[in-house]
Protein backbone atom coordinates (compact mmCIF):
# COMPACT_ATOMS: atom_id res chain seq x y z
CA MET A 1 99.54 108.04 113.44
CA TRP A 2 103.21 107.68 112.76
CA PHE A 3 104.89 105.51 110.14
CA SER A 4 108.62 105.09 109.73
CA THR A 5 108.13 104.35 106.05
CA ASP A 6 105.37 104.37 103.47
CA ARG A 7 105.81 101.65 100.88
CA PHE A 8 102.10 101.38 100.14
CA THR A 9 100.54 104.69 99.09
CA ASP A 10 102.25 104.66 95.68
CA LYS A 11 100.68 101.25 95.00
CA ILE A 12 97.08 102.37 95.53
CA PRO A 13 96.50 103.72 91.96
CA ASN A 14 97.23 100.32 90.40
CA ILE A 15 95.11 98.50 92.97
CA LYS A 16 92.20 100.84 92.18
CA LYS A 17 92.79 100.51 88.44
CA TYR A 18 92.95 96.71 88.29
CA CYS A 19 90.82 95.53 91.23
CA ASN A 20 87.27 96.52 92.13
CA LEU A 21 87.63 97.85 95.70
CA LYS A 22 83.91 98.45 96.14
CA LYS A 23 83.10 94.74 96.26
CA TRP A 24 85.60 93.72 98.94
CA TRP A 25 84.49 92.75 102.41
CA TYR A 26 87.16 90.49 103.89
CA LEU A 27 90.86 90.93 103.26
CA LEU A 28 93.76 88.89 104.60
CA GLU A 29 97.05 90.74 104.83
CA ILE A 30 100.20 88.76 105.46
CA TRP A 31 102.77 90.93 107.23
CA ALA A 32 101.36 94.12 108.70
CA LEU A 33 104.40 96.02 110.02
CA GLU A 34 103.07 99.38 111.26
CA GLY A 35 99.55 99.04 109.83
CA LYS A 36 99.81 101.55 106.95
CA SER A 37 98.32 99.31 104.30
CA ALA A 38 95.64 97.92 106.65
CA ILE A 39 94.47 101.46 107.37
CA GLU A 40 94.42 102.33 103.67
CA TRP A 41 92.30 99.24 102.96
CA VAL A 42 89.60 100.18 105.48
CA LYS A 43 89.58 103.95 105.04
CA ASN A 44 86.17 104.99 103.73
CA ARG A 45 85.12 101.35 103.27
CA ASP A 46 83.07 99.03 105.41
CA MET A 47 85.41 96.06 105.30
CA LYS A 48 87.34 93.80 107.63
CA VAL A 49 91.09 93.25 107.43
CA THR A 50 92.83 90.38 109.18
CA CYS A 51 96.55 91.10 109.53
CA VAL A 52 98.89 88.21 110.25
CA ASP A 53 102.28 89.22 111.60
CA PRO A 54 104.49 87.59 114.24
CA PHE A 55 106.54 90.81 114.60
CA ILE A 56 109.77 88.91 114.12
CA LEU A 57 111.97 91.41 112.34
CA ASN A 58 114.82 91.05 109.93
CA PRO A 59 118.10 91.24 111.92
CA LYS A 60 119.30 93.90 109.44
CA TRP A 61 116.65 96.19 110.94
CA ASN A 62 118.52 96.72 114.19
CA PHE A 63 117.02 100.20 114.53
CA TRP A 64 113.60 98.72 115.50
CA THR A 65 112.55 96.28 118.15
CA PRO A 66 109.57 93.97 117.56
CA GLN A 67 107.80 95.60 120.50
CA ASP A 68 108.33 99.09 119.02
CA VAL A 69 106.76 98.01 115.72
CA MET A 70 103.85 96.24 117.39
CA ASP A 71 103.19 99.28 119.62
CA ARG A 72 103.19 101.52 116.54
CA PHE A 73 100.81 99.13 114.79
CA TYR A 74 98.30 99.28 117.65
CA ASN A 75 98.67 103.05 118.02
CA ASN A 76 98.23 103.60 114.28
CA ILE A 77 95.10 101.47 113.93
CA LYS A 78 93.31 102.72 117.06
CA ASP A 79 90.74 104.68 115.01
CA TYR A 80 90.03 101.58 112.90
CA GLU A 81 90.08 98.82 115.53
CA LYS A 82 86.59 97.58 114.67
CA ASN A 83 87.77 96.89 111.10
CA ILE A 84 91.30 95.61 111.65
CA GLU A 85 92.19 92.41 113.48
CA LEU A 86 95.77 91.38 114.29
CA ILE A 87 96.74 87.72 114.48
CA LYS A 88 100.19 87.60 116.07
CA LEU A 89 101.39 84.34 114.52
CA LYS A 90 103.75 83.21 111.82
CA SER A 91 101.82 83.11 108.56
CA PHE A 92 102.37 79.35 108.21
CA ASP A 93 100.66 78.68 111.55
CA TYR A 94 97.72 80.95 110.78
CA LEU A 95 97.25 79.69 107.23
CA ILE A 96 97.21 76.04 108.32
CA SER A 97 94.58 76.90 110.93
CA ALA A 98 92.54 79.03 108.51
CA ASN A 99 92.52 76.22 105.95
CA TYR A 100 91.41 73.75 108.60
CA GLU A 101 88.58 76.12 109.58
CA LYS A 102 87.76 76.66 105.87
CA LEU A 103 87.91 80.44 106.20
CA LYS A 104 87.44 82.50 103.05
CA TYR A 105 88.68 85.93 102.00
CA ASP A 106 87.80 88.21 99.11
CA VAL A 107 91.35 89.47 98.72
CA ILE A 108 94.68 88.19 99.97
CA TYR A 109 97.47 90.73 100.12
CA VAL A 110 100.80 88.97 100.47
CA ASP A 111 103.53 91.31 101.70
CA TRP A 112 106.18 89.07 103.12
CA ASN A 113 109.50 88.51 104.77
CA HIS A 114 111.12 88.25 101.30
CA ILE A 115 112.65 84.78 101.65
CA SER A 116 111.43 82.97 98.53
CA LYS A 117 110.54 79.66 100.17
CA PHE A 118 108.33 81.44 102.73
CA CYS A 119 106.75 83.59 100.02
CA LEU A 120 105.84 80.49 98.03
CA GLN A 121 104.55 78.80 101.16
CA ASP A 122 102.31 81.80 101.92
CA MET A 123 100.93 81.84 98.39
CA VAL A 124 100.18 78.12 98.28
CA LEU A 125 98.59 77.99 101.73
CA SER A 126 96.51 81.12 101.23
CA TRP A 127 95.30 80.15 97.74
CA GLU A 128 92.62 77.83 99.13
CA LEU A 129 91.33 80.66 101.33
CA LEU A 130 90.55 82.73 98.25
CA ASP A 131 87.19 82.28 96.54
CA LYS A 132 86.82 82.11 92.77
CA TRP A 133 86.76 85.53 91.05
CA TRP A 134 88.73 87.22 93.82
CA TYR A 135 92.27 88.58 93.98
CA MET A 136 95.62 87.66 95.37
CA ILE A 137 97.93 90.68 95.36
CA CYS A 138 101.63 89.87 95.70
CA ASP A 139 103.94 92.68 96.76
CA ASP A 140 107.58 93.49 96.06
CA TYR A 141 107.83 91.88 92.63
CA GLU A 142 110.15 94.72 91.63
CA ARG A 143 112.97 92.99 93.48
CA ALA A 144 113.18 90.52 90.57
CA ASN A 145 116.23 92.20 89.08
CA ASP A 146 117.67 93.79 92.22
CA LYS A 147 121.23 92.51 92.46
CA ASN A 148 121.38 93.60 96.14
CA TYR A 149 119.30 90.51 96.94
CA LYS A 150 120.13 86.88 96.33
CA GLU A 151 117.59 84.99 94.26
CA ARG A 152 116.27 83.24 97.38
CA GLU A 153 115.62 86.67 98.95
CA ARG A 154 113.41 87.85 96.11
CA PRO A 155 109.63 87.41 96.25
CA SER A 156 109.68 87.28 92.44
CA THR A 157 111.30 83.83 92.58
CA ALA A 158 108.30 82.52 94.53
CA ILE A 159 105.74 84.46 92.48
CA ASP A 160 107.13 83.17 89.18
CA SER A 161 107.18 79.60 90.54
CA PHE A 162 103.59 79.89 91.74
CA ILE A 163 102.51 81.27 88.37
CA LYS A 164 104.08 78.30 86.57
CA ILE A 165 102.57 75.70 88.91
CA TYR A 166 99.07 77.18 89.27
CA GLN A 167 98.78 78.80 85.84
CA ASP A 168 95.47 77.13 84.99
CA GLU A 169 93.71 78.54 88.07
CA PHE A 170 93.96 82.31 87.57
CA ASP A 171 94.44 85.22 85.21
CA VAL A 172 97.38 87.56 85.69
CA VAL A 173 95.59 90.90 85.81
CA TRP A 174 98.71 93.03 86.21
CA LYS A 175 102.43 92.51 86.69
CA GLY A 176 104.63 95.40 87.77
CA ASN A 177 105.96 96.23 91.22
CA GLN A 178 103.13 93.99 92.40
CA VAL A 179 101.37 91.04 90.77
CA PHE A 180 97.57 90.78 90.76
CA LEU A 181 96.10 87.31 90.26
CA LEU A 182 92.37 86.81 89.67
CA LYS A 183 91.35 83.31 90.74
CA THR A 184 89.27 81.66 88.02
CA LYS A 185 88.97 78.07 89.30
């Protein structure tokens, strides 16, 4: 396995602290990149992870090609193929289809393209796929005060909007570099 970056391992302690990993069976991960987080989810657990990623990269990342990243994803997950499924679609397309099929997930891990309107879209469309008493984990909230990003490039803008609109349907379990929402309705 080879990863160009690891932006997930440092998040595991909070996930373990605030969410009961032992109960999870089906996890939806929006944006998979090289598969690091998907592998961490399934390591030592009998669970299934569905990763949705179109492998359309940010133009600022001119050091990678989409094919390079997808090849690394498949190479990295080869020991976990029975537990990790890749859906190579834009999240909008998959989430519309999944809602139509009435699919359900125990946990939805939203790690996105960072454009606020798409982050909000992912949260709203995936919310119906989440059963009551399960978690939505939203990544990259720490960008909230990062002046290197315009407000529309910050997931926190979408997360805060979602929290205001859907506030009666969940408990905020933790808010830090990620936000954990426990669906209650």
